[in-house]
Amino acid sequence: MTIDILDDQRVRVRVKTGIEVELILNDGTRIAGSVFIGKEERVQDILNHPNPFFPLRQKNQEILLVAKSAVAVCKPLDSPG
């Protein structure tokens, strides 16, 4: 869940769903974990967003910030809902 404070009076709460993915990096390293997408988003929307990094939660609960430029393949392993 993310919370955006829009101004002094309004707050927007966005609930996100974890999607299991396997990443293959440019150097061949494989990383499995979860990326988080909003209700109307797809995994590819995260990859196409202009931010150069995205968070990935590994199975041990550690959060990695992954550089999109280092990702060769992102394979979703499940779908929301």
N, C-alpha and C. Protein backbone atom coordinates (compact mmCIF):
# COMPACT_ATOMS: atom_id res chain seq x y z
N MET A 1 0.86 -1.17 0.00
CA MET A 1 0.00 0.00 0.00
C MET A 1 0.90 1.22 0.00
N THR A 2 0.54 2.19 -0.81
CA THR A 2 1.24 3.46 -0.79
C THR A 2 0.26 4.56 -0.42
N ILE A 3 0.77 5.56 0.24
CA ILE A 3 -0.06 6.68 0.67
C ILE A 3 0.52 7.95 0.07
N ASP A 4 -0.29 8.66 -0.69
CA ASP A 4 0.12 9.94 -1.27
C ASP A 4 -0.58 11.05 -0.51
N ILE A 5 0.18 12.01 -0.02
CA ILE A 5 -0.42 13.17 0.62
C ILE A 5 -0.51 14.26 -0.45
N LEU A 6 -1.73 14.53 -0.89
CA LEU A 6 -1.94 15.46 -1.98
C LEU A 6 -1.88 16.91 -1.53
N ASP A 7 -2.42 17.21 -0.38
CA ASP A 7 -2.34 18.53 0.25
C ASP A 7 -2.76 18.36 1.70
N ASP A 8 -3.01 19.44 2.42
CA ASP A 8 -3.34 19.35 3.84
C ASP A 8 -4.66 18.64 4.10
N GLN A 9 -5.56 18.59 3.14
CA GLN A 9 -6.89 18.05 3.37
C GLN A 9 -7.12 16.67 2.74
N ARG A 10 -6.33 16.31 1.74
CA ARG A 10 -6.62 15.09 1.00
C ARG A 10 -5.45 14.11 1.04
N VAL A 11 -5.80 12.85 1.20
CA VAL A 11 -4.81 11.77 1.18
C VAL A 11 -5.34 10.69 0.25
N ARG A 12 -4.48 10.15 -0.61
CA ARG A 12 -4.88 9.07 -1.51
C ARG A 12 -4.12 7.82 -1.11
N VAL A 13 -4.85 6.74 -0.89
CA VAL A 13 -4.26 5.46 -0.54
C VAL A 13 -4.37 4.55 -1.76
N ARG A 14 -3.24 3.98 -2.18
CA ARG A 14 -3.25 3.07 -3.31
C ARG A 14 -2.85 1.68 -2.82
N VAL A 15 -3.72 0.72 -3.04
CA VAL A 15 -3.44 -0.66 -2.66
C VAL A 15 -2.78 -1.34 -3.85
N LYS A 16 -1.69 -2.04 -3.59
CA LYS A 16 -0.97 -2.72 -4.66
C LYS A 16 -0.92 -4.22 -4.38
N THR A 17 -0.86 -4.99 -5.44
CA THR A 17 -0.81 -6.44 -5.36
C THR A 17 0.59 -6.90 -5.73
N GLY A 18 1.11 -7.86 -4.98
CA GLY A 18 2.41 -8.43 -5.30
C GLY A 18 2.28 -9.48 -6.39
N ILE A 19 3.11 -9.37 -7.41
CA ILE A 19 3.13 -10.34 -8.51
C ILE A 19 4.51 -10.99 -8.53
N GLU A 20 4.53 -12.32 -8.48
CA GLU A 20 5.79 -13.04 -8.52
C GLU A 20 6.39 -12.97 -9.92
N VAL A 21 7.68 -12.63 -9.98
CA VAL A 21 8.38 -12.56 -11.26
C VAL A 21 9.74 -13.22 -11.13
N GLU A 22 10.29 -13.60 -12.26
CA GLU A 22 11.68 -14.00 -12.35
C GLU A 22 12.36 -13.00 -13.27
N LEU A 23 13.44 -12.41 -12.81
CA LEU A 23 14.22 -11.49 -13.62
C LEU A 23 15.48 -12.20 -14.08
N ILE A 24 15.85 -11.94 -15.33
CA ILE A 24 17.16 -12.35 -15.83
C ILE A 24 17.86 -11.05 -16.19
N LEU A 25 18.97 -10.81 -15.52
CA LEU A 25 19.72 -9.58 -15.75
C LEU A 25 20.65 -9.72 -16.96
N ASN A 26 21.16 -8.61 -17.42
CA ASN A 26 22.03 -8.59 -18.60
C ASN A 26 23.25 -9.50 -18.44
N ASP A 27 23.72 -9.68 -17.20
CA ASP A 27 24.89 -10.54 -16.97
C ASP A 27 24.51 -12.01 -16.75
N GLY A 28 23.22 -12.36 -16.90
CA GLY A 28 22.76 -13.73 -16.75
C GLY A 28 22.26 -14.09 -15.36
N THR A 29 22.42 -13.20 -14.39
CA THR A 29 21.95 -13.44 -13.03
C THR A 29 20.43 -13.57 -13.02
N ARG A 30 19.93 -14.55 -12.29
CA ARG A 30 18.48 -14.74 -12.14
C ARG A 30 18.07 -14.33 -10.73
N ILE A 31 16.99 -13.56 -10.64
CA ILE A 31 16.47 -13.11 -9.35
C ILE A 31 14.97 -13.34 -9.36
N ALA A 32 14.46 -13.96 -8.30
CA ALA A 32 13.02 -14.16 -8.16
C ALA A 32 12.51 -13.27 -7.03
N GLY A 33 11.29 -12.83 -7.16
CA GLY A 33 10.69 -12.00 -6.12
C GLY A 33 9.36 -11.46 -6.58
N SER A 34 8.88 -10.44 -5.87
CA SER A 34 7.58 -9.84 -6.17
C SER A 34 7.75 -8.37 -6.53
N VAL A 35 7.06 -7.96 -7.59
CA VAL A 35 6.91 -6.54 -7.90
C VAL A 35 5.48 -6.18 -7.53
N PHE A 36 5.22 -4.90 -7.38
CA PHE A 36 3.91 -4.48 -6.88
C PHE A 36 3.22 -3.61 -7.90
N ILE A 37 1.99 -4.00 -8.23
CA ILE A 37 1.23 -3.26 -9.23
C ILE A 37 -0.10 -2.82 -8.65
N GLY A 38 -0.59 -1.70 -9.16
CA GLY A 38 -1.90 -1.20 -8.77
C GLY A 38 -3.02 -1.98 -9.45
N LYS A 39 -4.23 -1.65 -9.08
CA LYS A 39 -5.41 -2.38 -9.55
C LYS A 39 -5.51 -2.44 -11.08
N GLU A 40 -5.20 -1.36 -11.75
CA GLU A 40 -5.34 -1.29 -13.20
C GLU A 40 -4.01 -1.43 -13.94
N GLU A 41 -2.95 -1.85 -13.23
CA GLU A 41 -1.62 -1.93 -13.83
C GLU A 41 -1.26 -3.35 -14.24
N ARG A 42 -0.27 -3.43 -15.11
CA ARG A 42 0.34 -4.70 -15.49
C ARG A 42 1.83 -4.61 -15.16
N VAL A 43 2.50 -5.74 -15.10
CA VAL A 43 3.94 -5.74 -14.82
C VAL A 43 4.67 -4.88 -15.85
N GLN A 44 4.28 -4.97 -17.10
CA GLN A 44 4.97 -4.18 -18.13
C GLN A 44 4.81 -2.68 -17.91
N ASP A 45 3.75 -2.26 -17.21
CA ASP A 45 3.59 -0.84 -16.91
C ASP A 45 4.69 -0.34 -15.99
N ILE A 46 5.11 -1.19 -15.06
CA ILE A 46 6.21 -0.82 -14.16
C ILE A 46 7.50 -0.67 -14.96
N LEU A 47 7.72 -1.59 -15.88
CA LEU A 47 8.94 -1.56 -16.68
C LEU A 47 8.96 -0.40 -17.66
N ASN A 48 7.79 0.05 -18.11
CA ASN A 48 7.71 1.16 -19.06
C ASN A 48 7.62 2.53 -18.39
N HIS A 49 7.44 2.56 -17.07
CA HIS A 49 7.36 3.83 -16.34
C HIS A 49 8.72 4.53 -16.42
N PRO A 50 8.75 5.85 -16.45
CA PRO A 50 10.03 6.55 -16.60
C PRO A 50 11.02 6.42 -15.44
N ASN A 51 10.57 6.00 -14.25
CA ASN A 51 11.53 5.82 -13.15
C ASN A 51 12.59 4.80 -13.55
N PRO A 52 13.87 5.05 -13.28
CA PRO A 52 14.92 4.13 -13.72
C PRO A 52 15.04 2.87 -12.85
N PHE A 53 14.38 2.84 -11.70
CA PHE A 53 14.45 1.70 -10.79
C PHE A 53 13.04 1.26 -10.39
N PHE A 54 12.94 0.00 -9.94
CA PHE A 54 11.69 -0.48 -9.35
C PHE A 54 12.05 -1.40 -8.18
N PRO A 55 11.18 -1.45 -7.17
CA PRO A 55 11.46 -2.32 -6.03
C PRO A 55 11.05 -3.76 -6.32
N LEU A 56 11.84 -4.68 -5.80
CA LEU A 56 11.57 -6.11 -5.90
C LEU A 56 11.73 -6.70 -4.51
N ARG A 57 10.68 -7.34 -4.00
CA ARG A 57 10.78 -8.00 -2.69
C ARG A 57 11.15 -9.46 -2.91
N GLN A 58 12.29 -9.84 -2.35
CA GLN A 58 12.73 -11.23 -2.46
C GLN A 58 11.99 -12.10 -1.45
N LYS A 59 12.12 -13.41 -1.61
CA LYS A 59 11.43 -14.35 -0.71
C LYS A 59 11.86 -14.20 0.74
N ASN A 60 13.09 -13.72 0.98
CA ASN A 60 13.57 -13.50 2.35
C ASN A 60 13.11 -12.14 2.90
N GLN A 61 12.20 -11.47 2.16
CA GLN A 61 11.59 -10.19 2.53
C GLN A 61 12.51 -8.98 2.33
N GLU A 62 13.72 -9.18 1.83
CA GLU A 62 14.58 -8.04 1.53
C GLU A 62 14.05 -7.34 0.28
N ILE A 63 14.19 -6.02 0.25
CA ILE A 63 13.76 -5.23 -0.89
C ILE A 63 15.00 -4.80 -1.68
N LEU A 64 15.00 -5.09 -2.96
CA LEU A 64 16.07 -4.64 -3.85
C LEU A 64 15.52 -3.54 -4.74
N LEU A 65 16.31 -2.55 -5.03
CA LEU A 65 15.97 -1.58 -6.06
C LEU A 65 16.71 -2.02 -7.31
N VAL A 66 15.95 -2.40 -8.32
CA VAL A 66 16.51 -2.96 -9.54
C VAL A 66 16.56 -1.88 -10.61
N ALA A 67 17.71 -1.74 -11.23
CA ALA A 67 17.85 -0.81 -12.35
C ALA A 67 17.21 -1.45 -13.59
N LYS A 68 16.26 -0.76 -14.16
CA LYS A 68 15.58 -1.29 -15.35
C LYS A 68 16.57 -1.55 -16.48
N SER A 69 17.59 -0.75 -16.57
CA SER A 69 18.59 -0.92 -17.63
C SER A 69 19.37 -2.23 -17.49
N ALA A 70 19.33 -2.85 -16.32
CA ALA A 70 20.04 -4.11 -16.08
C ALA A 70 19.18 -5.34 -16.37
N VAL A 71 17.89 -5.14 -16.65
CA VAL A 71 16.95 -6.26 -16.83
C VAL A 71 16.88 -6.65 -18.30
N ALA A 72 17.24 -7.92 -18.58
CA ALA A 72 17.11 -8.46 -19.93
C ALA A 72 15.74 -9.09 -20.13
N VAL A 73 15.25 -9.82 -19.09
CA VAL A 73 13.97 -10.53 -19.16
C VAL A 73 13.25 -10.38 -17.83
N CYS A 74 11.96 -10.13 -17.90
CA CYS A 74 11.10 -10.13 -16.72
C CYS A 74 9.93 -11.05 -17.02
N LYS A 75 9.88 -12.18 -16.32
CA LYS A 75 8.86 -13.19 -16.59
C LYS A 75 7.89 -13.27 -15.41
N PRO A 76 6.64 -12.78 -15.58
CA PRO A 76 5.64 -12.92 -14.50
C PRO A 76 5.34 -14.41 -14.27
N LEU A 77 5.28 -14.81 -13.02
CA LEU A 77 5.03 -16.21 -12.68
C LEU A 77 3.59 -16.44 -12.24
N ASP A 78 2.87 -15.36 -11.92
CA ASP A 78 1.45 -15.47 -11.59
C ASP A 78 0.76 -14.17 -12.00
N SER A 79 -0.53 -14.12 -11.81
CA SER A 79 -1.26 -12.89 -12.15
C SER A 79 -2.13 -12.49 -10.98
N PRO A 80 -2.48 -11.19 -10.86
CA PRO A 80 -3.27 -10.73 -9.72
C PRO A 80 -4.67 -11.31 -9.72
N GLY A 81 -5.23 -11.34 -8.51
CA GLY A 81 -6.64 -11.69 -8.37
C GLY A 81 -6.86 -13.12 -8.21
